[in-house]
C-alpha atoms as a PDB file:
ATOM      1  CA  MET A   1     -30.122 -95.260 -24.433  1.00  0.00           C
ATOM      2  CA  ARG A   2     -33.302 -94.330 -26.337  1.00  0.00           C
ATOM      3  CA  ASN A   3     -31.794 -93.791 -29.745  1.00  0.00           C
ATOM      4  CA  GLN A   4     -33.601 -96.287 -31.969  1.00  0.00           C
ATOM      5  CA  ALA A   5     -36.660 -95.729 -34.122  1.00  0.00           C
ATOM      6  CA  GLY A   6     -39.414 -98.028 -35.265  1.00  0.00           C
ATOM      7  CA  PHE A   7     -42.068-100.401 -34.045  1.00  0.00           C
ATOM      8  CA  ALA A   8     -41.308-103.632 -32.197  1.00  0.00           C
ATOM      9  CA  LEU A   9     -43.855-106.417 -31.690  1.00  0.00           C
ATOM     10  CA  VAL A  10     -43.172-108.890 -28.860  1.00  0.00           C
ATOM     11  CA  THR A  11     -45.373-111.914 -28.213  1.00  0.00           C
ATOM     12  CA  GLY A  12     -45.891-113.312 -24.728  1.00  0.00           C
ATOM     13  CA  ALA A  13     -44.827-109.996 -23.207  1.00  0.00           C
ATOM     14  CA  SER A  14     -46.734-109.790 -19.929  1.00  0.00           C
ATOM     15  CA  ARG A  15     -44.177-111.633 -17.784  1.00  0.00           C
ATOM     16  CA  GLY A  16     -40.846-113.390 -17.664  1.00  0.00           C
ATOM     17  CA  ILE A  17     -38.546-113.244 -20.674  1.00  0.00           C
ATOM     18  CA  GLY A  18     -41.129-111.529 -22.882  1.00  0.00           C
ATOM     19  CA  GLN A  19     -41.690-108.745 -20.368  1.00  0.00           C
ATOM     20  CA  ALA A  20     -37.935-108.171 -20.088  1.00  0.00           C
ATOM     21  CA  ILE A  21     -37.615-108.034 -23.885  1.00  0.00           C
ATOM     22  CA  LEU A  22     -40.484-105.544 -24.177  1.00  0.00           C
ATOM     23  CA  ALA A  23     -38.885-103.342 -21.511  1.00  0.00           C
ATOM     24  CA  ARG A  24     -35.441-103.461 -23.118  1.00  0.00           C
ATOM     25  CA  LEU A  25     -36.701-102.627 -26.610  1.00  0.00           C
ATOM     26  CA  SER A  26     -38.761 -99.785 -25.169  1.00  0.00           C
ATOM     27  CA  ASP A  27     -35.610 -98.549 -23.425  1.00  0.00           C
ATOM     28  CA  ASP A  28     -33.882 -98.748 -26.809  1.00  0.00           C
ATOM     29  CA  GLY A  29     -36.405 -96.291 -28.203  1.00  0.00           C
ATOM     30  CA  PHE A  30     -38.847 -98.522 -30.060  1.00  0.00           C
ATOM     31  CA  SER A  31     -42.590 -98.088 -29.903  1.00  0.00           C
ATOM     32  CA  VAL A  32     -43.657-101.476 -28.581  1.00  0.00           C
ATOM     33  CA  VAL A  33     -46.701-103.705 -28.792  1.00  0.00           C
ATOM     34  CA  GLY A  34     -46.746-106.695 -26.468  1.00  0.00           C
ATOM     35  CA  THR A  35     -49.182-109.579 -26.697  1.00  0.00           C
ATOM     36  CA  ALA A  36     -50.804-111.487 -23.854  1.00  0.00           C
ATOM     37  CA  THR A  37     -53.448-114.216 -23.690  1.00  0.00           C
ATOM     38  CA  THR A  38     -55.494-112.582 -20.907  1.00  0.00           C
ATOM     39  CA  GLU A  39     -56.950-109.144 -20.231  1.00  0.00           C
ATOM     40  CA  LYS A  40     -54.897-109.055 -17.026  1.00  0.00           C
ATOM     41  CA  GLY A  41     -51.741-109.561 -19.058  1.00  0.00           C
ATOM     42  CA  VAL A  42     -52.698-106.765 -21.455  1.00  0.00           C
ATOM     43  CA  ASP A  43     -53.365-104.463 -18.480  1.00  0.00           C
ATOM     44  CA  THR A  44     -49.925-105.306 -17.065  1.00  0.00           C
ATOM     45  CA  ILE A  45     -48.249-104.290 -20.327  1.00  0.00           C
ATOM     46  CA  GLU A  46     -50.233-101.093 -20.726  1.00  0.00           C
ATOM     47  CA  HIS A  47     -49.695-100.091 -17.092  1.00  0.00           C
ATOM     48  CA  TRP A  48     -45.927-100.534 -17.509  1.00  0.00           C
ATOM     49  CA  LEU A  49     -45.917 -98.364 -20.631  1.00  0.00           C
ATOM     50  CA  ALA A  50     -48.169 -95.665 -19.187  1.00  0.00           C
ATOM     51  CA  GLU A  51     -46.211 -95.468 -15.944  1.00  0.00           C
ATOM     52  CA  ARG A  52     -43.032 -94.669 -17.897  1.00  0.00           C
ATOM     53  CA  GLY A  53     -44.610 -92.528 -20.599  1.00  0.00           C
ATOM     54  CA  ARG A  54     -43.570 -94.953 -23.325  1.00  0.00           C
ATOM     55  CA  GLN A  55     -45.135 -95.376 -26.754  1.00  0.00           C
ATOM     56  CA  GLY A  56     -46.937 -98.657 -27.263  1.00  0.00           C
ATOM     57  CA  SER A  57     -49.869-100.881 -26.454  1.00  0.00           C
ATOM     58  CA  GLY A  58     -50.960-104.296 -25.246  1.00  0.00           C
ATOM     59  CA  TRP A  59     -52.697-106.767 -27.545  1.00  0.00           C
ATOM     60  CA  LEU A  60     -54.965-109.623 -26.476  1.00  0.00           C
ATOM     61  CA  LEU A  61     -53.853-112.528 -28.637  1.00  0.00           C
ATOM     62  CA  ASP A  62     -54.387-116.255 -28.225  1.00  0.00           C
ATOM     63  CA  PHE A  63     -52.827-118.179 -31.088  1.00  0.00           C
ATOM     64  CA  LYS A  64     -55.094-121.158 -30.408  1.00  0.00           C
ATOM     65  CA  ASP A  65     -58.232-119.185 -31.205  1.00  0.00           C
ATOM     66  CA  LEU A  66     -57.301-116.511 -33.746  1.00  0.00           C
ATOM     67  CA  PRO A  67     -58.052-117.239 -37.434  1.00  0.00           C
ATOM     68  CA  VAL A  68     -55.209-116.457 -39.841  1.00  0.00           C
ATOM     69  CA  GLU A  69     -57.154-113.709 -41.627  1.00  0.00           C
ATOM     70  CA  LYS A  70     -57.925-111.966 -38.314  1.00  0.00           C
ATOM     71  CA  LEU A  71     -54.246-112.076 -37.401  1.00  0.00           C
ATOM     72  CA  GLY A  72     -53.353-110.317 -40.648  1.00  0.00           C
ATOM     73  CA  GLU A  73     -56.033-107.681 -40.051  1.00  0.00           C
ATOM     74  CA  ALA A  74     -54.744-107.031 -36.535  1.00  0.00           C
ATOM     75  CA  VAL A  75     -51.162-106.593 -37.748  1.00  0.00           C
ATOM     76  CA  GLN A  76     -52.357-104.159 -40.431  1.00  0.00           C
ATOM     77  CA  SER A  77     -54.226-102.170 -37.788  1.00  0.00           C
ATOM     78  CA  PHE A  78     -51.121-101.794 -35.628  1.00  0.00           C
ATOM     79  CA  GLU A  79     -48.993-100.922 -38.643  1.00  0.00           C
ATOM     80  CA  GLN A  80     -51.409 -98.133 -39.567  1.00  0.00           C
ATOM     81  CA  HIS A  81     -50.923 -96.681 -36.093  1.00  0.00           C
ATOM     82  CA  PHE A  82     -47.214 -97.333 -35.454  1.00  0.00           C
ATOM     83  CA  GLY A  83     -45.813 -97.920 -38.947  1.00  0.00           C
ATOM     84  CA  PRO A  84     -44.345-101.165 -40.331  1.00  0.00           C
ATOM     85  CA  VAL A  85     -43.021-103.694 -37.834  1.00  0.00           C
ATOM     86  CA  SER A  86     -39.276-103.056 -37.574  1.00  0.00           C
ATOM     87  CA  VAL A  87     -38.594-105.808 -35.046  1.00  0.00           C
ATOM     88  CA  LEU A  88     -40.670-108.955 -34.481  1.00  0.00           C
ATOM     89  CA  VAL A  89     -39.850-111.065 -31.438  1.00  0.00           C
ATOM     90  CA  ASN A  90     -41.608-114.453 -31.485  1.00  0.00           C
ATOM     91  CA  ASN A  91     -41.420-115.286 -27.787  1.00  0.00           C
ATOM     92  CA  ALA A  92     -44.815-116.730 -26.825  1.00  0.00           C
ATOM     93  CA  GLY A  93     -44.793-120.418 -26.015  1.00  0.00           C
ATOM     94  CA  ILE A  94     -46.224-123.138 -23.812  1.00  0.00           C
ATOM     95  CA  THR A  95     -45.094-126.486 -22.416  1.00  0.00           C
ATOM     96  CA  ARG A  96     -47.208-129.613 -22.062  1.00  0.00           C
ATOM     97  CA  ASP A  97     -44.711-132.161 -20.754  1.00  0.00           C
ATOM     98  CA  ASP A  98     -45.068-135.933 -20.644  1.00  0.00           C
ATOM     99  CA  LEU A  99     -43.120-139.006 -21.690  1.00  0.00           C
ATOM    100  CA  LEU A 100     -43.802-139.856 -25.317  1.00  0.00           C
ATOM    101  CA  LEU A 101     -45.571-143.147 -24.553  1.00  0.00           C
ATOM    102  CA  ARG A 102     -48.048-141.245 -22.388  1.00  0.00           C
ATOM    103  CA  MET A 103     -48.280-138.106 -24.535  1.00  0.00           C
ATOM    104  CA  SER A 104     -51.639-137.622 -26.204  1.00  0.00           C
ATOM    105  CA  GLU A 105     -51.961-136.213 -29.697  1.00  0.00           C
ATOM    106  CA  ALA A 106     -53.765-133.234 -28.161  1.00  0.00           C
ATOM    107  CA  LEU A 107     -50.681-132.365 -26.075  1.00  0.00           C
ATOM    108  CA  TRP A 108     -48.460-132.721 -29.117  1.00  0.00           C
ATOM    109  CA  ASP A 109     -50.745-130.650 -31.370  1.00  0.00           C
ATOM    110  CA  GLU A 110     -51.219-127.829 -28.852  1.00  0.00           C
ATOM    111  CA  VAL A 111     -47.491-127.263 -28.361  1.00  0.00           C
ATOM    112  CA  ILE A 112     -46.725-127.452 -32.084  1.00  0.00           C
ATOM    113  CA  GLU A 113     -49.544-125.014 -32.874  1.00  0.00           C
ATOM    114  CA  VAL A 114     -48.607-122.390 -30.283  1.00  0.00           C
ATOM    115  CA  ASP A 115     -44.813-122.744 -30.280  1.00  0.00           C
ATOM    116  CA  LEU A 116     -44.167-123.309 -33.990  1.00  0.00           C
ATOM    117  CA  THR A 117     -47.165-122.774 -36.272  1.00  0.00           C
ATOM    118  CA  ALA A 118     -47.950-119.424 -34.623  1.00  0.00           C
ATOM    119  CA  VAL A 119     -44.401-118.283 -35.395  1.00  0.00           C
ATOM    120  CA  PHE A 120     -45.005-119.054 -39.072  1.00  0.00           C
ATOM    121  CA  ARG A 121     -48.357-117.253 -39.093  1.00  0.00           C
ATOM    122  CA  LEU A 122     -47.295-114.070 -37.314  1.00  0.00           C
ATOM    123  CA  THR A 123     -44.005-113.821 -39.181  1.00  0.00           C
ATOM    124  CA  LYS A 124     -45.827-114.127 -42.495  1.00  0.00           C
ATOM    125  CA  ALA A 125     -48.283-111.408 -41.438  1.00  0.00           C
ATOM    126  CA  CYS A 126     -45.442-109.009 -40.536  1.00  0.00           C
ATOM    127  CA  LEU A 127     -43.072-109.858 -43.358  1.00  0.00           C
ATOM    128  CA  ARG A 128     -44.764-107.951 -46.169  1.00  0.00           C
ATOM    129  CA  GLY A 129     -44.265-104.631 -44.388  1.00  0.00           C
ATOM    130  CA  MET A 130     -40.622-105.414 -43.707  1.00  0.00           C
ATOM    131  CA  LEU A 131     -40.013-106.345 -47.343  1.00  0.00           C
ATOM    132  CA  ARG A 132     -41.650-103.119 -48.537  1.00  0.00           C
ATOM    133  CA  ALA A 133     -39.455-101.175 -46.118  1.00  0.00           C
ATOM    134  CA  ARG A 134     -36.426-103.206 -47.242  1.00  0.00           C
ATOM    135  CA  GLY A 135     -35.378-103.816 -43.673  1.00  0.00           C
ATOM    136  CA  GLY A 136     -36.298-105.408 -40.372  1.00  0.00           C
ATOM    137  CA  ALA A 137     -35.250-107.910 -37.749  1.00  0.00           C
ATOM    138  CA  ILE A 138     -37.078-111.101 -36.829  1.00  0.00           C
ATOM    139  CA  ILE A 139     -35.890-112.702 -33.599  1.00  0.00           C
ATOM    140  CA  ASN A 140     -37.261-116.103 -32.614  1.00  0.00           C
ATOM    141  CA  ILE A 141     -36.978-117.301 -29.031  1.00  0.00           C
ATOM    142  CA  ALA A 142     -36.086-120.988 -29.060  1.00  0.00           C
ATOM    143  CA  SER A 143     -34.672-123.033 -26.162  1.00  0.00           C
ATOM    144  CA  VAL A 144     -31.617-124.994 -25.120  1.00  0.00           C
ATOM    145  CA  VAL A 145     -33.723-128.161 -25.471  1.00  0.00           C
ATOM    146  CA  ALA A 146     -33.904-127.557 -29.235  1.00  0.00           C
ATOM    147  CA  LEU A 147     -30.208-128.426 -29.248  1.00  0.00           C
ATOM    148  CA  SER A 148     -29.793-130.793 -26.310  1.00  0.00           C
ATOM    149  CA  GLY A 149     -33.188-132.497 -26.106  1.00  0.00           C
ATOM    150  CA  ASN A 150     -34.895-133.189 -22.785  1.00  0.00           C
ATOM    151  CA  PRO A 151     -36.826-136.233 -21.506  1.00  0.00           C
ATOM    152  CA  GLY A 152     -40.544-135.583 -21.330  1.00  0.00           C
ATOM    153  CA  GLN A 153     -40.392-132.661 -23.756  1.00  0.00           C
ATOM    154  CA  ALA A 154     -40.431-134.289 -27.189  1.00  0.00           C
ATOM    155  CA  ASN A 155     -43.221-131.936 -28.309  1.00  0.00           C
ATOM    156  CA  TYR A 156     -41.522-128.794 -26.971  1.00  0.00           C
ATOM    157  CA  ALA A 157     -38.077-129.779 -28.285  1.00  0.00           C
ATOM    158  CA  ALA A 158     -39.553-130.574 -31.698  1.00  0.00           C
ATOM    159  CA  ALA A 159     -41.292-127.184 -31.863  1.00  0.00           C
ATOM    160  CA  LYS A 160     -38.221-125.248 -30.737  1.00  0.00           C
ATOM    161  CA  GLY A 161     -35.977-127.277 -33.043  1.00  0.00           C
ATOM    162  CA  GLY A 162     -38.370-126.415 -35.852  1.00  0.00           C
ATOM    163  CA  ILE A 163     -37.914-122.741 -35.029  1.00  0.00           C
ATOM    164  CA  LEU A 164     -34.168-123.048 -35.604  1.00  0.00           C
ATOM    165  CA  GLY A 165     -34.688-124.586 -39.045  1.00  0.00           C
ATOM    166  CA  PHE A 166     -37.348-121.978 -39.827  1.00  0.00           C
ATOM    167  CA  THR A 167     -34.921-119.224 -38.802  1.00  0.00           C
ATOM    168  CA  ARG A 168     -32.118-120.415 -41.073  1.00  0.00           C
ATOM    169  CA  SER A 169     -34.420-120.992 -44.045  1.00  0.00           C
ATOM    170  CA  LEU A 170     -36.205-117.644 -43.805  1.00  0.00           C
ATOM    171  CA  ALA A 171     -32.880-115.826 -43.358  1.00  0.00           C
ATOM    172  CA  GLN A 172     -31.855-117.120 -46.781  1.00  0.00           C
ATOM    173  CA  GLU A 173     -35.171-116.112 -48.351  1.00  0.00           C
ATOM    174  CA  VAL A 174     -35.300-112.491 -47.203  1.00  0.00           C
ATOM    175  CA  GLY A 175     -31.685-111.436 -46.635  1.00  0.00           C
ATOM    176  CA  SER A 176     -31.419-109.793 -50.065  1.00  0.00           C
ATOM    177  CA  ARG A 177     -34.249-107.440 -49.030  1.00  0.00           C
ATOM    178  CA  GLY A 178     -32.471-106.305 -45.872  1.00  0.00           C
ATOM    179  CA  VAL A 179     -34.475-108.439 -43.429  1.00  0.00           C
ATOM    180  CA  ARG A 180     -32.426-110.345 -40.860  1.00  0.00           C
ATOM    181  CA  VAL A 181     -33.707-113.458 -39.075  1.00  0.00           C
ATOM    182  CA  ASN A 182     -32.008-114.845 -35.967  1.00  0.00           C
ATOM    183  CA  ALA A 183     -32.835-116.936 -32.917  1.00  0.00           C
ATOM    184  CA  VAL A 184     -31.985-116.837 -29.226  1.00  0.00           C
ATOM    185  CA  ALA A 185     -31.902-120.125 -27.304  1.00  0.00           C
ATOM    186  CA  PRO A 186     -32.171-119.545 -23.538  1.00  0.00           C
ATOM    187  CA  GLY A 187     -31.205-122.184 -21.013  1.00  0.00           C
ATOM    188  CA  LEU A 188     -32.491-122.252 -17.428  1.00  0.00           C
ATOM    189  CA  ILE A 189     -33.722-118.736 -16.729  1.00  0.00           C
ATOM    190  CA  ASP A 190     -34.991-117.429 -13.387  1.00  0.00           C
ATOM    191  CA  THR A 191     -38.718-117.127 -14.141  1.00  0.00           C
ATOM    192  CA  ASP A 192     -42.002-118.129 -12.507  1.00  0.00           C
ATOM    193  CA  MET A 193     -41.559-121.659 -13.868  1.00  0.00           C
ATOM    194  CA  THR A 194     -38.084-122.273 -12.424  1.00  0.00           C
ATOM    195  CA  ARG A 195     -39.060-120.716  -9.092  1.00  0.00           C
ATOM    196  CA  THR A 196     -41.400-123.645  -8.485  1.00  0.00           C
ATOM    197  CA  LEU A 197     -38.477-126.107  -8.490  1.00  0.00           C
ATOM    198  CA  THR A 198     -37.573-127.764  -5.216  1.00  0.00           C
ATOM    199  CA  PRO A 199     -34.090-127.033  -3.771  1.00  0.00           C
ATOM    200  CA  GLU A 200     -33.036-130.561  -4.738  1.00  0.00           C
ATOM    201  CA  GLN A 201     -34.199-130.118  -8.341  1.00  0.00           C
ATOM    202  CA  LYS A 202     -32.463-126.755  -8.592  1.00  0.00           C
ATOM    203  CA  LYS A 203     -29.235-128.195  -7.171  1.00  0.00           C
ATOM    204  CA  LEU A 204     -29.191-130.967  -9.767  1.00  0.00           C
ATOM    205  CA  MET A 205     -29.769-128.493 -12.577  1.00  0.00           C
ATOM    206  CA  LEU A 206     -27.107-126.075 -11.387  1.00  0.00           C
ATOM    207  CA  GLU A 207     -24.561-128.894 -11.423  1.00  0.00           C
ATOM    208  CA  ARG A 208     -25.071-129.090 -15.209  1.00  0.00           C
ATOM    209  CA  ILE A 209     -24.320-125.378 -15.689  1.00  0.00           C
ATOM    210  CA  PRO A 210     -20.641-124.331 -15.696  1.00  0.00           C
ATOM    211  CA  LEU A 211     -21.533-120.814 -14.469  1.00  0.00           C
ATOM    212  CA  ARG A 212     -23.417-122.428 -11.549  1.00  0.00           C
ATOM    213  CA  ARG A 213     -26.414-120.114 -11.624  1.00  0.00           C
ATOM    214  CA  LEU A 214     -29.690-119.549 -13.413  1.00  0.00           C
ATOM    215  CA  GLY A 215     -29.799-116.896 -16.082  1.00  0.00           C
ATOM    216  CA  HIS A 216     -31.811-113.696 -15.799  1.00  0.00           C
ATOM    217  CA  ALA A 217     -34.554-112.631 -18.191  1.00  0.00           C
ATOM    218  CA  GLU A 218     -32.705-109.350 -18.677  1.00  0.00           C
ATOM    219  CA  GLU A 219     -29.697-111.272 -20.027  1.00  0.00           C
ATOM    220  CA  VAL A 220     -31.872-112.826 -22.725  1.00  0.00           C
ATOM    221  CA  ALA A 221     -33.365-109.400 -23.445  1.00  0.00           C
ATOM    222  CA  ALA A 222     -29.875-107.936 -23.877  1.00  0.00           C
ATOM    223  CA  CYS A 223     -29.164-110.470 -26.645  1.00  0.00           C
ATOM    224  CA  VAL A 224     -32.442-109.608 -28.364  1.00  0.00           C
ATOM    225  CA  SER A 225     -31.583-105.913 -28.091  1.00  0.00           C
ATOM    226  CA  PHE A 226     -28.235-106.562 -29.768  1.00  0.00           C
ATOM    227  CA  LEU A 227     -29.786-108.583 -32.608  1.00  0.00           C
ATOM    228  CA  ALA A 228     -32.318-105.795 -33.179  1.00  0.00           C
ATOM    229  CA  SER A 229     -29.603-103.114 -33.276  1.00  0.00           C
ATOM    230  CA  PRO A 230     -27.437-101.751 -36.101  1.00  0.00           C
ATOM    231  CA  GLY A 231     -24.523-103.474 -34.370  1.00  0.00           C
ATOM    232  CA  ALA A 232     -25.894-106.809 -35.613  1.00  0.00           C
ATOM    233  CA  ALA A 233     -26.449-105.609 -39.176  1.00  0.00           C
ATOM    234  CA  TYR A 234     -24.248-108.383 -40.628  1.00  0.00           C
ATOM    235  CA  ILE A 235     -25.695-111.232 -38.586  1.00  0.00           C
ATOM    236  CA  THR A 236     -28.485-113.416 -39.920  1.00  0.00           C
ATOM    237  CA  GLY A 237     -29.462-117.079 -39.686  1.00  0.00           C
ATOM    238  CA  GLU A 238     -27.673-117.425 -36.351  1.00  0.00           C
ATOM    239  CA  THR A 239     -28.687-118.793 -32.945  1.00  0.00           C
ATOM    240  CA  LEU A 240     -27.306-117.101 -29.829  1.00  0.00           C
ATOM    241  CA  GLN A 241     -27.152-119.525 -26.914  1.00  0.00           C
ATOM    242  CA  VAL A 242     -27.808-117.974 -23.509  1.00  0.00           C
ATOM    243  CA  ASN A 243     -27.395-120.933 -21.187  1.00  0.00           C
ATOM    244  CA  GLY A 244     -24.375-120.423 -18.916  1.00  0.00           C
ATOM    245  CA  GLY A 245     -22.519-123.189 -20.729  1.00  0.00           C
ATOM    246  CA  MET A 246     -25.216-125.788 -20.090  1.00  0.00           C
ATOM    247  CA  TYR A 247     -24.976-126.801 -23.747  1.00  0.00           C
ATOM    248  CA  MET A 248     -22.100-125.870 -26.053  1.00  0.00           C
ATOM    249  CA  SER A 249     -21.814-126.321 -29.804  1.00  0.00           C
END
């Protein structure tokens, strides 16, 4: 139902979970801007919007290369066109897996920069507009490994765990101004990455999931949609786990 109003910014929106989130928020009535790290990704976003007659745009954004001041200028440019960011979804992320004894500092630094530091930078750039408007929703996409850990992913788990602490801290800072900050922690979701698993690998993983299936990107997007909606107006500082029971707390 297209009954919302406002501008939603979704990072990593050209495929997988990010694409599903962009589509769902657009369905909810938001003007949407989705980021991608390649021109092809931007074209994918803009084609999807144009094909459906939706308001929005794609944005070429690589957090590894963009200076902080340029990021702020870009956010201001979009806000001049669409208005203040009503909903920010920090979804973009990468993995660079290896056992800790073999992990280089470059692998550690790259994951921390893209998966955690970029969340800080973009949130800070969008927050001023939300505070002036005395309202907004920030939704950070974490991961089940932030809670459970996972061998070979110390860098990724550290970054996603950092997002959970960031979420709770910021929620306490900005709640009095009407800005809500929450996180969603997906488990094993049916995306390009999980489709490369061998049948044996998938079987082992499914045995750890009480619901005995992979999740769908649309199921993660539905949780984001709820957290962005008036129905979640009294929820902040929380983490919604979308993992089929793989990890419970």
